[in-house]
Amino acid sequence: MSLDLPAPVAAYFAADKVADGAIAMCFTDEAVVKDEGHAHAGRAAIAKWRTEASVRYSYTSDPVAVAVEPARVVVTSRVTGNFPGSPVDLRYVFVLAGDKIASLEIAP
């Protein structure tokens, strides 16, 4: 099934398949990512977060549902990998600023 993801969100999921720091470029300079109880503010911190996650785990994230709301985009994605509880459906809550992501919260 193909989902109609907003361009910045589609770019995020495409960049997440590459472990080269490309994901940080999907975000604004001041963006914040909240994941696993931690907040990562700014592109450098977001790049570090993604690099550390790819060192700890091998995973794939496949969006299965999207809800575009006035202030946010909520994507449910099936995440499968070498981590406890795999596979799991996670909610990715994006707030967009133009063609970039201003914030992202990932939660079960």
C-alpha atoms as a PDB file:
ATOM      1  CA  MET A   1       0.000   0.000   0.000  1.00  0.00           C
ATOM      2  CA  SER A   2       1.321   3.415  -0.922  1.00  0.00           C
ATOM      3  CA  LEU A   3       0.633   6.298   1.465  1.00  0.00           C
ATOM      4  CA  ASP A   4       0.339   9.943   0.492  1.00  0.00           C
ATOM      5  CA  LEU A   5       2.914  11.379   2.898  1.00  0.00           C
ATOM      6  CA  PRO A   6       3.706  15.105   2.938  1.00  0.00           C
ATOM      7  CA  ALA A   7       7.061  15.726   1.210  1.00  0.00           C
ATOM      8  CA  PRO A   8       9.112  16.413   4.396  1.00  0.00           C
ATOM      9  CA  VAL A   9       7.736  13.252   6.027  1.00  0.00           C
ATOM     10  CA  ALA A  10       8.415  11.139   2.938  1.00  0.00           C
ATOM     11  CA  ALA A  11      11.961  12.567   2.877  1.00  0.00           C
ATOM     12  CA  TYR A  12      12.413  11.581   6.530  1.00  0.00           C
ATOM     13  CA  PHE A  13      11.443   7.938   5.938  1.00  0.00           C
ATOM     14  CA  ALA A  14      13.617   7.769   2.807  1.00  0.00           C
ATOM     15  CA  ALA A  15      16.614   9.231   4.697  1.00  0.00           C
ATOM     16  CA  ASP A  16      16.019   6.828   7.600  1.00  0.00           C
ATOM     17  CA  LYS A  17      16.975   3.975   5.282  1.00  0.00           C
ATOM     18  CA  VAL A  18      20.487   5.490   4.916  1.00  0.00           C
ATOM     19  CA  ALA A  19      22.906   5.681   7.854  1.00  0.00           C
ATOM     20  CA  ASP A  20      24.919   8.642   6.564  1.00  0.00           C
ATOM     21  CA  GLY A  21      23.510  11.610   8.467  1.00  0.00           C
ATOM     22  CA  ALA A  22      21.069  12.549   5.695  1.00  0.00           C
ATOM     23  CA  ILE A  23      18.182  12.423   8.142  1.00  0.00           C
ATOM     24  CA  ALA A  24      19.327  15.590   9.946  1.00  0.00           C
ATOM     25  CA  MET A  25      18.841  17.595   6.738  1.00  0.00           C
ATOM     26  CA  CYS A  26      15.116  16.847   6.895  1.00  0.00           C
ATOM     27  CA  PHE A  27      14.848  19.072   9.987  1.00  0.00           C
ATOM     28  CA  THR A  28      14.955  22.805  10.671  1.00  0.00           C
ATOM     29  CA  ASP A  29      18.059  24.142  12.424  1.00  0.00           C
ATOM     30  CA  GLU A  30      16.188  24.339  15.752  1.00  0.00           C
ATOM     31  CA  ALA A  31      14.186  21.114  15.442  1.00  0.00           C
ATOM     32  CA  VAL A  32      13.645  18.748  18.356  1.00  0.00           C
ATOM     33  CA  VAL A  33      13.286  14.962  18.231  1.00  0.00           C
ATOM     34  CA  LYS A  34      11.831  13.130  21.237  1.00  0.00           C
ATOM     35  CA  ASP A  35      12.515   9.403  21.308  1.00  0.00           C
ATOM     36  CA  GLU A  36      12.959   6.813  24.062  1.00  0.00           C
ATOM     37  CA  GLY A  37      12.510   9.436  26.781  1.00  0.00           C
ATOM     38  CA  HIS A  38      15.196  11.787  25.441  1.00  0.00           C
ATOM     39  CA  ALA A  39      15.032  15.066  23.530  1.00  0.00           C
ATOM     40  CA  HIS A  40      17.572  15.853  20.811  1.00  0.00           C
ATOM     41  CA  ALA A  41      17.644  19.544  19.824  1.00  0.00           C
ATOM     42  CA  GLY A  42      19.267  20.883  16.671  1.00  0.00           C
ATOM     43  CA  ARG A  43      20.569  19.169  13.553  1.00  0.00           C
ATOM     44  CA  ALA A  44      23.876  18.053  15.123  1.00  0.00           C
ATOM     45  CA  ALA A  45      22.077  16.357  18.016  1.00  0.00           C
ATOM     46  CA  ILE A  46      19.565  14.787  15.633  1.00  0.00           C
ATOM     47  CA  ALA A  47      22.377  13.422  13.452  1.00  0.00           C
ATOM     48  CA  LYS A  48      24.064  11.992  16.557  1.00  0.00           C
ATOM     49  CA  TRP A  49      20.769  10.422  17.721  1.00  0.00           C
ATOM     50  CA  ARG A  50      20.276   8.728  14.348  1.00  0.00           C
ATOM     51  CA  THR A  51      23.884   7.514  14.175  1.00  0.00           C
ATOM     52  CA  GLU A  52      23.720   6.047  17.683  1.00  0.00           C
ATOM     53  CA  ALA A  53      20.409   4.326  16.920  1.00  0.00           C
ATOM     54  CA  SER A  54      21.858   2.736  13.783  1.00  0.00           C
ATOM     55  CA  VAL A  55      24.871   1.466  15.755  1.00  0.00           C
ATOM     56  CA  ARG A  56      22.651  -0.123  18.432  1.00  0.00           C
ATOM     57  CA  TYR A  57      19.983  -1.553  16.152  1.00  0.00           C
ATOM     58  CA  SER A  58      19.412  -2.731  12.630  1.00  0.00           C
ATOM     59  CA  TYR A  59      15.832  -1.913  11.731  1.00  0.00           C
ATOM     60  CA  THR A  60      13.401  -0.987   9.025  1.00  0.00           C
ATOM     61  CA  SER A  61      10.506   1.406   9.434  1.00  0.00           C
ATOM     62  CA  ASP A  62       7.575   0.977   7.070  1.00  0.00           C
ATOM     63  CA  PRO A  63       4.728   3.522   7.314  1.00  0.00           C
ATOM     64  CA  VAL A  64       1.324   1.821   7.341  1.00  0.00           C
ATOM     65  CA  ALA A  65      -1.049   4.736   8.103  1.00  0.00           C
ATOM     66  CA  VAL A  66      -1.038   8.523   8.005  1.00  0.00           C
ATOM     67  CA  ALA A  67      -3.327  11.198   9.435  1.00  0.00           C
ATOM     68  CA  VAL A  68      -2.710  14.738   8.223  1.00  0.00           C
ATOM     69  CA  GLU A  69      -4.096  17.182  10.785  1.00  0.00           C
ATOM     70  CA  PRO A  70      -3.975  20.994  10.729  1.00  0.00           C
ATOM     71  CA  ALA A  71      -1.027  21.255  13.149  1.00  0.00           C
ATOM     72  CA  ARG A  72       0.677  17.900  12.747  1.00  0.00           C
ATOM     73  CA  VAL A  73       1.116  14.730  10.733  1.00  0.00           C
ATOM     74  CA  VAL A  74       0.767  11.414  12.564  1.00  0.00           C
ATOM     75  CA  VAL A  75       2.299   8.359  10.910  1.00  0.00           C
ATOM     76  CA  THR A  76       1.974   4.832  12.227  1.00  0.00           C
ATOM     77  CA  SER A  77       4.951   2.787  11.139  1.00  0.00           C
ATOM     78  CA  ARG A  78       5.790  -0.878  11.564  1.00  0.00           C
ATOM     79  CA  VAL A  79       9.358  -1.037  12.918  1.00  0.00           C
ATOM     80  CA  THR A  80      11.123  -4.375  12.600  1.00  0.00           C
ATOM     81  CA  GLY A  81      14.662  -5.129  13.727  1.00  0.00           C
ATOM     82  CA  ASN A  82      17.038  -6.630  16.245  1.00  0.00           C
ATOM     83  CA  PHE A  83      15.561  -5.002  19.343  1.00  0.00           C
ATOM     84  CA  PRO A  84      13.360  -6.379  22.133  1.00  0.00           C
ATOM     85  CA  GLY A  85       9.688  -6.478  21.190  1.00  0.00           C
ATOM     86  CA  SER A  86      10.250  -6.405  17.428  1.00  0.00           C
ATOM     87  CA  PRO A  87       8.165  -5.830  15.423  1.00  0.00           C
ATOM     88  CA  VAL A  88       6.330  -2.869  16.927  1.00  0.00           C
ATOM     89  CA  ASP A  89       3.989  -0.221  15.579  1.00  0.00           C
ATOM     90  CA  LEU A  90       5.226   3.246  16.532  1.00  0.00           C
ATOM     91  CA  ARG A  91       3.550   6.635  16.194  1.00  0.00           C
ATOM     92  CA  TYR A  92       5.650   9.340  14.583  1.00  0.00           C
ATOM     93  CA  VAL A  93       4.150  12.758  15.313  1.00  0.00           C
ATOM     94  CA  PHE A  94       5.608  15.400  12.983  1.00  0.00           C
ATOM     95  CA  VAL A  95       5.194  19.166  13.155  1.00  0.00           C
ATOM     96  CA  LEU A  96       6.226  20.759   9.882  1.00  0.00           C
ATOM     97  CA  ALA A  97       7.681  24.172   9.091  1.00  0.00           C
ATOM     98  CA  GLY A  98       7.518  24.686   5.344  1.00  0.00           C
ATOM     99  CA  ASP A  99       9.522  21.953   3.651  1.00  0.00           C
ATOM    100  CA  LYS A 100      11.298  20.865   6.860  1.00  0.00           C
ATOM    101  CA  ILE A 101      10.385  19.093  10.097  1.00  0.00           C
ATOM    102  CA  ALA A 102      10.226  21.345  13.181  1.00  0.00           C
ATOM    103  CA  SER A 103       9.618  18.530  15.651  1.00  0.00           C
ATOM    104  CA  LEU A 104       9.192  14.783  15.806  1.00  0.00           C
ATOM    105  CA  GLU A 105       8.007  12.638  18.676  1.00  0.00           C
ATOM    106  CA  ILE A 106       8.255   8.864  18.401  1.00  0.00           C
ATOM    107  CA  ALA A 107       6.186   6.778  20.812  1.00  0.00           C
ATOM    108  CA  PRO A 108       4.449   3.397  21.056  1.00  0.00           C
END
